[in-house]
Amino acid sequence: MSALLGIPPPPTTLSEPVNGIEGVQFDRPPPGSGADPFASNWDNLNSLQSHYADWPAQDVRDWRKSSLFLARILEECGLIEGADLGSAENGLPTGVQIQQNMGKFQEFVLHLISKIESNGFGLWTKKGLCMGRAVFPHASYFNHSCDPSCESIQERMMLIVRTKKAVEKDEELTISYIDTNLPVHARRQRLQDEYYFTCSCARCIAELSGAASRKTTY
């Protein structure tokens, strides 16, 4: 099973079991298969979780210094024209509104940065170097697990999410946000530092309780 993400968000559970079929992927989705790429728009991005309120004070101060520079970039890209400023988390402000509401705009930018940082997927070279980030909002709806049922694969301008093992009916589809080969305490610390939650997946609980006595590569 695979989902091409690139208009409603994809389901995160299966309506039918996929027994013994792992990582099925179509080079081109069959007509009517429901596997057509999901287009994304501003509303999809804006609906993502912001962790700005959890940022360290130094990060907030550093990013505030760049707010005017970021305003110019957004304006040049046509992303802050002809829309209402609204709240700090919603709306696309115009250039005039930015000057009149600089405090609100700074909050708007910081929330936007947080959404990109927490939901961005790395863009990797063939040599394994990260050259940037891209946001695939629908892929961000997948929760994390240290023993994920799915994997995400970058394919040109799309992100493909496909199952990597058999999944039962109504079982949640998950991906990993981090390197799952890290020890349990390192994984949990990284998830807390970068994604602001403490992982309580089945694998973490088992390893913390001592049930998993030997290292397993995932």
N, C-alpha and C. Protein backbone atom coordinates (compact mmCIF):
# COMPACT_ATOMS: atom_id res chain seq x y z
N MET A 1 0.85 -1.18 0.00
CA MET A 1 0.00 0.00 0.00
C MET A 1 0.88 1.24 0.00
N SER A 2 0.56 2.21 -0.82
CA SER A 2 1.33 3.45 -0.82
C SER A 2 0.41 4.63 -1.02
N ALA A 3 0.80 5.78 -0.46
CA ALA A 3 0.07 7.02 -0.66
C ALA A 3 1.06 8.03 -1.22
N LEU A 4 0.67 8.72 -2.30
CA LEU A 4 1.53 9.72 -2.90
C LEU A 4 1.08 11.08 -2.39
N LEU A 5 2.00 11.81 -1.75
CA LEU A 5 1.64 13.04 -1.09
C LEU A 5 2.30 14.21 -1.79
N GLY A 6 1.84 15.04 -2.20
CA GLY A 6 2.63 16.07 -2.92
C GLY A 6 2.33 17.47 -2.96
N ILE A 7 -8.31 15.88 -2.24
CA ILE A 7 -7.65 16.81 -1.34
C ILE A 7 -7.99 16.51 0.11
N PRO A 8 -8.55 15.86 0.40
CA PRO A 8 -8.67 15.56 1.81
C PRO A 8 -7.49 14.75 2.31
N PRO A 9 -7.13 14.88 3.60
CA PRO A 9 -5.99 14.12 4.10
C PRO A 9 -6.23 12.63 4.00
N PRO A 10 -5.15 11.85 3.79
CA PRO A 10 -5.31 10.41 3.66
C PRO A 10 -5.70 9.79 4.98
N PRO A 11 -6.44 8.67 4.98
CA PRO A 11 -6.76 8.01 6.23
C PRO A 11 -5.49 7.46 6.86
N THR A 12 -5.47 7.38 8.20
CA THR A 12 -4.30 6.84 8.88
C THR A 12 -4.59 5.46 9.46
N THR A 13 -5.68 4.84 9.01
CA THR A 13 -5.93 3.44 9.32
C THR A 13 -6.36 2.76 8.04
N LEU A 14 -6.22 1.45 7.98
CA LEU A 14 -6.63 0.69 6.81
C LEU A 14 -8.05 0.19 6.98
N SER A 15 -8.84 0.26 5.92
CA SER A 15 -10.20 -0.28 5.98
C SER A 15 -10.19 -1.79 5.76
N GLU A 16 -9.13 -2.30 5.15
CA GLU A 16 -8.97 -3.74 4.92
C GLU A 16 -7.57 -4.15 5.30
N PRO A 17 -7.38 -5.38 5.79
CA PRO A 17 -6.04 -5.82 6.15
C PRO A 17 -5.15 -5.98 4.94
N VAL A 18 -3.87 -5.77 5.13
CA VAL A 18 -2.89 -6.00 4.08
C VAL A 18 -1.99 -7.13 4.58
N ASN A 19 -2.39 -8.33 4.35
CA ASN A 19 -1.68 -9.48 4.91
C ASN A 19 -0.65 -10.01 3.94
N GLY A 20 0.61 -9.95 4.35
CA GLY A 20 1.68 -10.51 3.55
C GLY A 20 2.09 -9.66 2.37
N ILE A 21 1.50 -8.47 2.21
CA ILE A 21 1.87 -7.58 1.10
C ILE A 21 2.57 -6.37 1.70
N GLU A 22 3.84 -6.29 1.50
CA GLU A 22 4.62 -5.25 2.14
C GLU A 22 5.21 -4.30 1.11
N GLY A 23 5.01 -3.00 1.35
CA GLY A 23 5.65 -1.99 0.52
C GLY A 23 5.20 -1.98 -0.93
N VAL A 24 3.92 -2.21 -1.19
CA VAL A 24 3.44 -2.16 -2.56
C VAL A 24 3.50 -0.72 -3.05
N GLN A 25 4.07 -0.51 -4.21
CA GLN A 25 4.21 0.84 -4.76
C GLN A 25 3.94 0.81 -6.26
N PHE A 26 3.16 1.78 -6.73
CA PHE A 26 2.86 1.90 -8.14
C PHE A 26 3.72 3.01 -8.73
N ASP A 27 4.36 2.75 -9.88
CA ASP A 27 5.09 3.81 -10.57
C ASP A 27 4.14 4.90 -11.01
N ARG A 28 2.97 4.52 -11.46
CA ARG A 28 1.91 5.45 -11.80
C ARG A 28 0.62 4.89 -11.25
N PRO A 29 -0.10 5.65 -10.39
CA PRO A 29 -1.30 5.10 -9.77
C PRO A 29 -2.34 4.69 -10.82
N PRO A 30 -2.94 3.51 -10.68
CA PRO A 30 -3.98 3.10 -11.60
C PRO A 30 -5.18 4.04 -11.52
N PRO A 31 -5.87 4.30 -12.62
CA PRO A 31 -7.05 5.18 -12.60
C PRO A 31 -8.07 4.67 -11.60
N GLY A 32 -8.58 5.60 -10.80
CA GLY A 32 -9.62 5.23 -9.84
C GLY A 32 -9.11 4.49 -8.62
N SER A 33 -7.82 4.37 -8.47
CA SER A 33 -7.27 3.61 -7.34
C SER A 33 -7.28 4.41 -6.05
N GLY A 34 -7.47 5.73 -6.15
CA GLY A 34 -7.40 6.57 -4.96
C GLY A 34 -5.97 6.86 -4.55
N ALA A 35 -5.00 6.48 -5.36
CA ALA A 35 -3.59 6.69 -5.02
C ALA A 35 -3.00 7.89 -5.74
N ASP A 36 -3.86 8.75 -6.30
CA ASP A 36 -3.35 9.95 -6.95
C ASP A 36 -2.67 10.84 -5.91
N PRO A 37 -1.67 11.61 -6.31
CA PRO A 37 -0.98 12.48 -5.34
C PRO A 37 -1.94 13.46 -4.68
N PHE A 38 -1.71 13.71 -3.41
CA PHE A 38 -2.51 14.69 -2.67
C PHE A 38 -1.88 16.06 -2.86
N ALA A 39 -2.63 16.98 -3.45
CA ALA A 39 -2.13 18.34 -3.61
C ALA A 39 -2.20 19.06 -2.26
N SER A 40 -1.29 19.99 -2.04
CA SER A 40 -1.25 20.73 -0.78
C SER A 40 -1.47 22.21 -1.05
N ASN A 41 -1.99 22.91 -0.06
CA ASN A 41 -2.18 24.35 -0.17
C ASN A 41 -1.88 25.01 1.16
N TRP A 42 -2.07 26.33 1.20
CA TRP A 42 -1.73 27.08 2.42
C TRP A 42 -2.53 26.59 3.62
N ASP A 43 -3.81 26.30 3.44
CA ASP A 43 -4.63 25.87 4.57
C ASP A 43 -4.08 24.58 5.17
N ASN A 44 -3.58 23.67 4.33
CA ASN A 44 -2.99 22.43 4.84
C ASN A 44 -1.77 22.73 5.70
N LEU A 45 -0.91 23.63 5.23
CA LEU A 45 0.27 24.01 6.00
C LEU A 45 -0.11 24.70 7.30
N ASN A 46 -1.07 25.60 7.21
CA ASN A 46 -1.44 26.39 8.37
C ASN A 46 -2.13 25.56 9.45
N SER A 47 -2.66 24.40 9.07
CA SER A 47 -3.35 23.55 10.05
C SER A 47 -2.38 22.70 10.87
N LEU A 48 -1.10 22.72 10.51
CA LEU A 48 -0.12 21.89 11.22
C LEU A 48 0.18 22.45 12.61
N GLN A 49 0.71 21.58 13.45
CA GLN A 49 0.98 21.93 14.84
C GLN A 49 2.18 22.87 14.95
N SER A 50 2.02 23.94 15.72
CA SER A 50 3.12 24.85 16.05
C SER A 50 3.56 24.59 17.48
N HIS A 51 4.88 24.58 17.69
CA HIS A 51 5.43 24.41 19.04
C HIS A 51 6.17 25.67 19.48
N TYR A 52 5.79 26.78 18.90
CA TYR A 52 6.45 28.05 19.22
C TYR A 52 6.40 28.33 20.72
N ALA A 53 5.28 28.02 21.36
CA ALA A 53 5.13 28.29 22.80
C ALA A 53 6.13 27.49 23.63
N ASP A 54 6.67 26.42 23.06
CA ASP A 54 7.63 25.57 23.79
C ASP A 54 9.08 25.92 23.50
N TRP A 55 9.31 26.87 22.61
CA TRP A 55 10.68 27.23 22.24
C TRP A 55 11.45 27.82 23.42
N PRO A 56 12.75 27.56 23.49
CA PRO A 56 13.58 28.26 24.47
C PRO A 56 13.60 29.76 24.18
N ALA A 57 13.77 30.55 25.22
CA ALA A 57 13.72 32.01 25.06
C ALA A 57 14.77 32.52 24.08
N GLN A 58 15.94 31.90 24.05
CA GLN A 58 16.99 32.34 23.15
C GLN A 58 16.60 32.13 21.69
N ASP A 59 15.93 31.01 21.40
CA ASP A 59 15.47 30.76 20.03
C ASP A 59 14.47 31.82 19.59
N VAL A 60 13.58 32.20 20.49
CA VAL A 60 12.59 33.24 20.17
C VAL A 60 13.29 34.55 19.87
N ARG A 61 14.25 34.93 20.70
CA ARG A 61 14.97 36.19 20.48
C ARG A 61 15.73 36.17 19.15
N ASP A 62 16.37 35.05 18.84
CA ASP A 62 17.14 34.95 17.60
C ASP A 62 16.24 35.08 16.38
N TRP A 63 15.11 34.39 16.40
CA TRP A 63 14.22 34.43 15.23
C TRP A 63 13.54 35.79 15.09
N ARG A 64 13.26 36.47 16.22
CA ARG A 64 12.64 37.79 16.13
C ARG A 64 13.55 38.77 15.38
N LYS A 65 14.85 38.61 15.52
CA LYS A 65 15.80 39.49 14.84
C LYS A 65 15.69 39.36 13.32
N SER A 66 15.21 38.21 12.86
CA SER A 66 15.13 37.96 11.41
C SER A 66 13.74 38.22 10.84
N SER A 67 12.82 38.72 11.65
CA SER A 67 11.43 38.82 11.21
C SER A 67 11.24 39.76 10.01
N LEU A 68 11.94 40.91 9.98
CA LEU A 68 11.79 41.83 8.85
C LEU A 68 12.34 41.23 7.58
N PHE A 69 13.49 40.55 7.69
CA PHE A 69 14.08 39.88 6.54
C PHE A 69 13.12 38.82 5.99
N LEU A 70 12.52 38.05 6.89
CA LEU A 70 11.56 37.02 6.47
C LEU A 70 10.32 37.65 5.86
N ALA A 71 9.92 38.80 6.38
CA ALA A 71 8.76 39.51 5.83
C ALA A 71 8.99 39.87 4.37
N ARG A 72 10.19 40.35 4.07
CA ARG A 72 10.51 40.72 2.68
C ARG A 72 10.48 39.50 1.77
N ILE A 73 11.03 38.39 2.24
CA ILE A 73 11.03 37.17 1.42
C ILE A 73 9.60 36.71 1.15
N LEU A 74 8.77 36.68 2.17
CA LEU A 74 7.38 36.25 2.00
C LEU A 74 6.63 37.18 1.06
N GLU A 75 6.93 38.48 1.18
CA GLU A 75 6.26 39.46 0.32
C GLU A 75 6.70 39.28 -1.13
N GLU A 76 7.99 39.08 -1.36
CA GLU A 76 8.50 38.90 -2.73
C GLU A 76 7.95 37.62 -3.36
N CYS A 77 7.68 36.62 -2.54
CA CYS A 77 7.12 35.36 -3.05
C CYS A 77 5.61 35.42 -3.23
N GLY A 78 5.01 36.56 -2.88
CA GLY A 78 3.57 36.70 -3.03
C GLY A 78 2.76 35.94 -2.01
N LEU A 79 3.37 35.63 -0.88
CA LEU A 79 2.67 34.84 0.13
C LEU A 79 1.99 35.69 1.19
N ILE A 80 2.20 37.00 1.17
CA ILE A 80 1.58 37.86 2.18
C ILE A 80 0.90 39.05 1.52
N GLU A 81 0.23 38.79 0.41
CA GLU A 81 -0.48 39.85 -0.30
C GLU A 81 -1.98 39.58 -0.29
N GLY A 82 -2.73 40.63 -0.03
CA GLY A 82 -4.18 40.57 -0.22
C GLY A 82 -4.93 39.67 0.74
N ALA A 83 -4.40 39.45 1.94
CA ALA A 83 -5.11 38.64 2.91
C ALA A 83 -5.12 39.35 4.25
N ASP A 84 -6.03 38.95 5.10
CA ASP A 84 -6.19 39.58 6.40
C ASP A 84 -5.18 39.01 7.38
N LEU A 85 -4.61 39.87 8.22
CA LEU A 85 -3.63 39.42 9.20
C LEU A 85 -4.23 38.42 10.17
N GLY A 86 -5.43 38.73 10.66
CA GLY A 86 -6.10 37.81 11.58
C GLY A 86 -5.28 37.63 12.84
N SER A 87 -5.30 36.40 13.37
CA SER A 87 -4.56 36.11 14.59
C SER A 87 -3.12 35.78 14.25
N ALA A 88 -2.33 35.55 15.28
CA ALA A 88 -0.92 35.25 15.06
C ALA A 88 -0.72 33.95 14.31
N GLU A 89 -1.69 33.05 14.41
CA GLU A 89 -1.52 31.73 13.82
C GLU A 89 -2.26 31.57 12.50
N ASN A 90 -3.09 32.55 12.12
CA ASN A 90 -3.92 32.38 10.93
C ASN A 90 -3.85 33.60 10.04
N GLY A 91 -4.08 33.39 8.75
CA GLY A 91 -4.15 34.48 7.81
C GLY A 91 -2.80 34.83 7.23
N LEU A 92 -2.82 35.51 6.08
CA LEU A 92 -1.60 35.94 5.40
C LEU A 92 -1.62 37.46 5.33
N PRO A 93 -0.80 38.16 6.12
CA PRO A 93 -0.87 39.62 6.19
C PRO A 93 -0.30 40.31 4.96
N THR A 94 -0.82 41.51 4.68
CA THR A 94 -0.29 42.32 3.59
C THR A 94 0.88 43.14 4.11
N GLY A 95 1.65 43.74 3.17
CA GLY A 95 2.81 44.54 3.57
C GLY A 95 2.43 45.69 4.49
N VAL A 96 1.33 46.39 4.20
CA VAL A 96 0.90 47.51 5.04
C VAL A 96 0.52 47.02 6.42
N GLN A 97 -0.20 45.91 6.46
CA GLN A 97 -0.61 45.37 7.75
C GLN A 97 0.59 44.94 8.59
N ILE A 98 1.65 44.50 7.92
CA ILE A 98 2.85 44.10 8.64
C ILE A 98 3.42 45.29 9.41
N GLN A 99 3.52 46.44 8.74
CA GLN A 99 4.07 47.62 9.39
C GLN A 99 3.18 48.08 10.54
N GLN A 100 1.88 47.95 10.38
CA GLN A 100 0.95 48.41 11.40
C GLN A 100 0.81 47.42 12.56
N ASN A 101 1.17 46.19 12.31
CA ASN A 101 0.97 45.15 13.33
C ASN A 101 2.23 44.30 13.47
N MET A 102 3.39 44.96 13.64
CA MET A 102 4.65 44.23 13.63
C MET A 102 4.70 43.16 14.71
N GLY A 103 4.17 43.47 15.88
CA GLY A 103 4.17 42.48 16.95
C GLY A 103 3.42 41.22 16.57
N LYS A 104 2.24 41.42 16.00
CA LYS A 104 1.44 40.28 15.57
C LYS A 104 2.13 39.53 14.44
N PHE A 105 2.75 40.27 13.52
CA PHE A 105 3.39 39.61 12.41
C PHE A 105 4.57 38.77 12.87
N GLN A 106 5.32 39.26 13.85
CA GLN A 106 6.42 38.47 14.39
C GLN A 106 5.89 37.15 14.95
N GLU A 107 4.77 37.21 15.65
CA GLU A 107 4.18 35.98 16.17
C GLU A 107 3.76 35.06 15.02
N PHE A 108 3.19 35.63 13.99
CA PHE A 108 2.77 34.87 12.81
C PHE A 108 3.96 34.14 12.19
N VAL A 109 5.08 34.86 12.02
CA VAL A 109 6.27 34.27 11.41
C VAL A 109 6.84 33.17 12.30
N LEU A 110 6.89 33.40 13.60
CA LEU A 110 7.46 32.41 14.51
C LEU A 110 6.63 31.13 14.53
N HIS A 111 5.31 31.28 14.50
CA HIS A 111 4.46 30.08 14.41
C HIS A 111 4.71 29.34 13.10
N LEU A 112 4.87 30.09 12.01
CA LEU A 112 5.11 29.48 10.71
C LEU A 112 6.44 28.72 10.70
N ILE A 113 7.47 29.34 11.26
CA ILE A 113 8.78 28.68 11.34
C ILE A 113 8.68 27.40 12.15
N SER A 114 7.98 27.46 13.27
CA SER A 114 7.82 26.27 14.12
C SER A 114 7.10 25.15 13.38
N LYS A 115 6.08 25.49 12.62
CA LYS A 115 5.35 24.48 11.86
C LYS A 115 6.25 23.80 10.83
N ILE A 116 7.11 24.61 10.19
CA ILE A 116 8.02 24.04 9.19
C ILE A 116 9.08 23.18 9.87
N GLU A 117 9.62 23.66 10.99
CA GLU A 117 10.66 22.90 11.68
C GLU A 117 10.13 21.56 12.19
N SER A 118 8.91 21.56 12.72
CA SER A 118 8.36 20.34 13.33
C SER A 118 7.77 19.39 12.30
N ASN A 119 7.47 19.89 11.12
CA ASN A 119 6.78 19.05 10.13
C ASN A 119 7.55 18.88 8.82
N GLY A 120 8.72 19.49 8.73
CA GLY A 120 9.49 19.39 7.49
C GLY A 120 10.17 18.04 7.33
N PHE A 121 10.30 17.60 6.10
CA PHE A 121 11.01 16.37 5.76
C PHE A 121 12.32 16.74 5.07
N GLY A 122 13.39 16.08 5.44
CA GLY A 122 14.69 16.37 4.85
C GLY A 122 14.74 16.04 3.37
N LEU A 123 15.43 16.88 2.61
CA LEU A 123 15.69 16.61 1.20
C LEU A 123 17.14 16.11 1.11
N TRP A 124 17.30 14.86 0.73
CA TRP A 124 18.59 14.20 0.82
C TRP A 124 19.21 13.95 -0.55
N THR A 125 20.53 14.13 -0.61
CA THR A 125 21.26 13.79 -1.82
C THR A 125 21.50 12.28 -1.84
N LYS A 126 21.98 11.79 -2.97
CA LYS A 126 22.27 10.36 -3.08
C LYS A 126 23.40 9.94 -2.15
N LYS A 127 24.20 10.90 -1.70
CA LYS A 127 25.29 10.60 -0.78
C LYS A 127 24.86 10.70 0.68
N GLY A 128 23.56 10.92 0.89
CA GLY A 128 23.05 10.95 2.25
C GLY A 128 23.21 12.27 2.96
N LEU A 129 23.41 13.37 2.21
CA LEU A 129 23.54 14.69 2.81
C LEU A 129 22.21 15.44 2.71
N CYS A 130 21.81 16.06 3.80
CA CYS A 130 20.56 16.83 3.80
C CYS A 130 20.83 18.22 3.22
N MET A 131 20.16 18.55 2.11
CA MET A 131 20.41 19.82 1.43
C MET A 131 19.28 20.83 1.67
N GLY A 132 18.28 20.44 2.44
CA GLY A 132 17.18 21.36 2.71
C GLY A 132 16.00 20.62 3.30
N ARG A 133 14.88 21.32 3.38
CA ARG A 133 13.65 20.73 3.91
C ARG A 133 12.48 21.06 3.01
N ALA A 134 11.51 20.16 3.01
CA ALA A 134 10.26 20.39 2.30
C ALA A 134 9.12 19.98 3.22
N VAL A 135 8.00 20.64 3.05
CA VAL A 135 6.83 20.32 3.87
C VAL A 135 5.80 19.61 3.00
N PHE A 136 5.41 18.42 3.42
CA PHE A 136 4.34 17.66 2.78
C PHE A 136 3.25 17.53 3.84
N PRO A 137 2.32 18.51 3.90
CA PRO A 137 1.39 18.57 5.03
C PRO A 137 0.65 17.28 5.32
N HIS A 138 0.20 16.57 4.29
CA HIS A 138 -0.57 15.35 4.54
C HIS A 138 0.29 14.28 5.20
N ALA A 139 1.57 14.25 4.88
CA ALA A 139 2.45 13.26 5.51
C ALA A 139 2.65 13.57 6.98
N SER A 140 2.47 14.83 7.36
CA SER A 140 2.64 15.21 8.76
C SER A 140 1.50 14.72 9.64
N TYR A 141 0.42 14.23 9.03
CA TYR A 141 -0.68 13.68 9.82
C TYR A 141 -0.34 12.31 10.40
N PHE A 142 0.71 11.68 9.89
CA PHE A 142 1.10 10.37 10.42
C PHE A 142 1.81 10.55 11.75
N ASN A 143 1.41 9.77 12.75
CA ASN A 143 2.07 9.80 14.04
C ASN A 143 3.38 9.03 13.99
N HIS A 144 4.20 9.27 15.01
CA HIS A 144 5.50 8.61 15.10
C HIS A 144 5.41 7.29 15.86
N SER A 145 6.24 6.36 15.45
CA SER A 145 6.49 5.14 16.22
C SER A 145 7.95 4.76 16.02
N CYS A 146 8.59 4.22 17.06
CA CYS A 146 9.97 3.74 16.94
C CYS A 146 10.00 2.36 16.27
N ASP A 147 8.85 1.80 16.02
CA ASP A 147 8.71 0.57 15.24
C ASP A 147 7.60 0.82 14.21
N PRO A 148 7.86 1.70 13.24
CA PRO A 148 6.81 2.18 12.34
C PRO A 148 6.33 1.12 11.37
N SER A 149 5.08 1.25 10.97
CA SER A 149 4.51 0.34 9.98
C SER A 149 4.74 0.84 8.56
N CYS A 150 5.16 2.10 8.42
CA CYS A 150 5.36 2.70 7.10
C CYS A 150 6.72 3.38 7.02
N GLU A 151 7.13 3.65 5.80
CA GLU A 151 8.34 4.41 5.55
C GLU A 151 8.03 5.49 4.53
N SER A 152 8.76 6.59 4.61
CA SER A 152 8.57 7.69 3.66
C SER A 152 9.75 7.73 2.71
N ILE A 153 9.46 7.88 1.42
CA ILE A 153 10.47 7.86 0.38
C ILE A 153 10.32 9.10 -0.48
N GLN A 154 11.40 9.84 -0.64
CA GLN A 154 11.39 11.04 -1.47
C GLN A 154 11.51 10.64 -2.94
N GLU A 155 10.60 11.10 -3.75
CA GLU A 155 10.59 10.78 -5.18
C GLU A 155 10.33 12.06 -5.95
N ARG A 156 11.42 12.68 -6.40
CA ARG A 156 11.33 13.96 -7.10
C ARG A 156 10.58 14.97 -6.23
N MET A 157 9.44 15.48 -6.71
CA MET A 157 8.70 16.49 -5.96
C MET A 157 7.61 15.88 -5.09
N MET A 158 7.62 14.57 -4.93
CA MET A 158 6.61 13.90 -4.13
C MET A 158 7.27 13.14 -2.98
N LEU A 159 6.47 12.88 -1.96
CA LEU A 159 6.87 12.01 -0.88
C LEU A 159 5.93 10.81 -0.90
N ILE A 160 6.49 9.63 -0.97
CA ILE A 160 5.69 8.41 -1.01
C ILE A 160 5.74 7.74 0.35
N VAL A 161 4.59 7.49 0.93
CA VAL A 161 4.50 6.77 2.19
C VAL A 161 3.93 5.39 1.90
N ARG A 162 4.68 4.35 2.25
CA ARG A 162 4.23 3.01 1.95
C ARG A 162 4.46 2.09 3.14
N THR A 163 3.65 1.06 3.23
CA THR A 163 3.79 0.11 4.33
C THR A 163 5.07 -0.70 4.15
N LYS A 164 5.68 -1.05 5.26
CA LYS A 164 6.89 -1.86 5.25
C LYS A 164 6.70 -3.22 5.93
N LYS A 165 5.48 -3.48 6.41
CA LYS A 165 5.16 -4.77 7.01
C LYS A 165 3.65 -4.94 6.97
N ALA A 166 3.21 -6.14 7.29
CA ALA A 166 1.77 -6.42 7.28
C ALA A 166 1.06 -5.55 8.31
N VAL A 167 -0.10 -5.02 7.93
CA VAL A 167 -0.87 -4.14 8.81
C VAL A 167 -2.28 -4.68 8.92
N GLU A 168 -2.78 -4.77 10.14
CA GLU A 168 -4.12 -5.29 10.36
C GLU A 168 -5.18 -4.21 10.13
N LYS A 169 -6.39 -4.65 9.93
CA LYS A 169 -7.52 -3.73 9.75
C LYS A 169 -7.63 -2.82 10.97
N ASP A 170 -7.81 -1.52 10.71
CA ASP A 170 -7.97 -0.47 11.73
C ASP A 170 -6.71 -0.20 12.54
N GLU A 171 -5.60 -0.82 12.18
CA GLU A 171 -4.34 -0.51 12.85
C GLU A 171 -3.82 0.84 12.35
N GLU A 172 -3.35 1.67 13.26
CA GLU A 172 -2.85 2.98 12.87
C GLU A 172 -1.58 2.84 12.03
N LEU A 173 -1.50 3.64 10.97
CA LEU A 173 -0.30 3.70 10.15
C LEU A 173 0.64 4.74 10.75
N THR A 174 1.90 4.37 10.95
CA THR A 174 2.86 5.26 11.58
C THR A 174 4.14 5.35 10.76
N ILE A 175 4.88 6.43 10.97
CA ILE A 175 6.20 6.60 10.38
C ILE A 175 7.16 6.94 11.53
N SER A 176 8.44 6.97 11.23
CA SER A 176 9.41 7.37 12.24
C SER A 176 9.91 8.77 11.93
N TYR A 177 9.99 9.61 12.95
CA TYR A 177 10.50 10.96 12.78
C TYR A 177 12.02 11.03 12.92
N ILE A 178 12.63 9.99 13.47
CA ILE A 178 14.06 10.01 13.80
C ILE A 178 14.72 8.69 13.41
N ASP A 179 16.01 8.58 13.69
CA ASP A 179 16.76 7.34 13.48
C ASP A 179 16.34 6.34 14.55
N THR A 180 15.68 5.28 14.17
CA THR A 180 15.16 4.32 15.14
C THR A 180 16.23 3.36 15.65
N ASN A 181 17.44 3.46 15.14
CA ASN A 181 18.52 2.60 15.64
C ASN A 181 19.21 3.19 16.87
N LEU A 182 18.81 4.37 17.28
CA LEU A 182 19.34 4.96 18.50
C LEU A 182 18.83 4.20 19.72
N PRO A 183 19.57 4.22 20.83
CA PRO A 183 19.07 3.62 22.08
C PRO A 183 17.80 4.33 22.54
N VAL A 184 17.02 3.68 23.36
CA VAL A 184 15.71 4.19 23.74
C VAL A 184 15.80 5.58 24.38
N HIS A 185 16.75 5.79 25.30
CA HIS A 185 16.83 7.08 25.97
C HIS A 185 17.25 8.18 25.00
N ALA A 186 18.12 7.86 24.05
CA ALA A 186 18.53 8.84 23.05
C ALA A 186 17.37 9.18 22.12
N ARG A 187 16.59 8.18 21.75
CA ARG A 187 15.42 8.42 20.88
C ARG A 187 14.43 9.34 21.58
N ARG A 188 14.12 9.01 22.82
CA ARG A 188 13.12 9.80 23.55
C ARG A 188 13.60 11.24 23.77
N GLN A 189 14.89 11.39 24.05
CA GLN A 189 15.42 12.74 24.26
C GLN A 189 15.36 13.55 22.97
N ARG A 190 15.69 12.93 21.86
CA ARG A 190 15.66 13.65 20.58
C ARG A 190 14.24 14.04 20.22
N LEU A 191 13.30 13.14 20.43
CA LEU A 191 11.90 13.46 20.14
C LEU A 191 11.39 14.59 21.04
N GLN A 192 11.82 14.59 22.29
CA GLN A 192 11.43 15.66 23.19
C GLN A 192 12.04 16.99 22.76
N ASP A 193 13.33 16.96 22.37
CA ASP A 193 14.02 18.19 21.99
C ASP A 193 13.51 18.77 20.67
N GLU A 194 13.20 17.90 19.71
CA GLU A 194 12.86 18.37 18.37
C GLU A 194 11.36 18.38 18.07
N TYR A 195 10.60 17.51 18.75
CA TYR A 195 9.17 17.40 18.45
C TYR A 195 8.28 17.61 19.67
N TYR A 196 8.90 17.81 20.84
CA TYR A 196 8.18 18.23 22.03
C TYR A 196 7.17 17.21 22.55
N PHE A 197 7.52 15.94 22.47
CA PHE A 197 6.68 14.92 23.11
C PHE A 197 7.56 13.78 23.59
N THR A 198 7.07 13.06 24.57
CA THR A 198 7.75 11.88 25.10
C THR A 198 7.14 10.65 24.46
N CYS A 199 7.96 9.88 23.77
CA CYS A 199 7.45 8.72 23.04
C CYS A 199 7.05 7.61 24.00
N SER A 200 5.84 7.08 23.78
CA SER A 200 5.33 5.97 24.58
C SER A 200 4.87 4.84 23.67
N CYS A 201 5.57 4.67 22.55
CA CYS A 201 5.21 3.60 21.63
C CYS A 201 5.53 2.25 22.29
N ALA A 202 5.00 1.19 21.71
CA ALA A 202 5.18 -0.15 22.30
C ALA A 202 6.64 -0.52 22.43
N ARG A 203 7.45 -0.15 21.44
CA ARG A 203 8.87 -0.49 21.49
C ARG A 203 9.57 0.22 22.64
N CYS A 204 9.30 1.51 22.81
CA CYS A 204 9.93 2.26 23.91
C CYS A 204 9.53 1.67 25.26
N ILE A 205 8.26 1.38 25.43
CA ILE A 205 7.79 0.83 26.71
C ILE A 205 8.48 -0.51 26.98
N ALA A 206 8.60 -1.35 25.95
CA ALA A 206 9.22 -2.65 26.12
C ALA A 206 10.70 -2.50 26.50
N GLU A 207 11.40 -1.59 25.84
CA GLU A 207 12.82 -1.42 26.12
C GLU A 207 13.05 -0.79 27.49
N LEU A 208 12.19 0.11 27.89
CA LEU A 208 12.32 0.74 29.20
C LEU A 208 12.04 -0.26 30.33
N SER A 209 11.16 -1.21 30.07
CA SER A 209 10.82 -2.20 31.08
C SER A 209 11.81 -3.35 31.11
N GLY A 210 12.75 -3.36 30.14
CA GLY A 210 13.73 -4.42 30.10
C GLY A 210 13.28 -5.64 29.33
N ALA A 211 12.08 -5.57 28.73
CA ALA A 211 11.55 -6.72 27.99
C ALA A 211 12.38 -7.00 26.75
N ALA A 212 12.93 -5.92 26.16
CA ALA A 212 13.78 -6.10 24.97
C ALA A 212 15.23 -6.15 25.43
N SER A 213 15.77 -7.33 25.57
CA SER A 213 17.09 -7.50 26.16
C SER A 213 18.22 -7.40 25.15
N ARG A 214 17.92 -7.50 23.85
CA ARG A 214 18.99 -7.43 22.87
C ARG A 214 18.66 -6.34 21.83
N LYS A 215 19.71 -5.77 21.28
CA LYS A 215 19.55 -4.69 20.31
C LYS A 215 18.97 -5.21 19.01
N THR A 216 17.99 -4.50 18.49
CA THR A 216 17.38 -4.85 17.22
C THR A 216 17.54 -3.69 16.26
N THR A 217 17.93 -3.96 15.04
CA THR A 217 18.04 -2.93 14.03
C THR A 217 16.72 -2.78 13.30
N TYR A 218 16.24 -1.53 13.20
CA TYR A 218 14.95 -1.27 12.56
C TYR A 218 15.17 -0.55 11.25
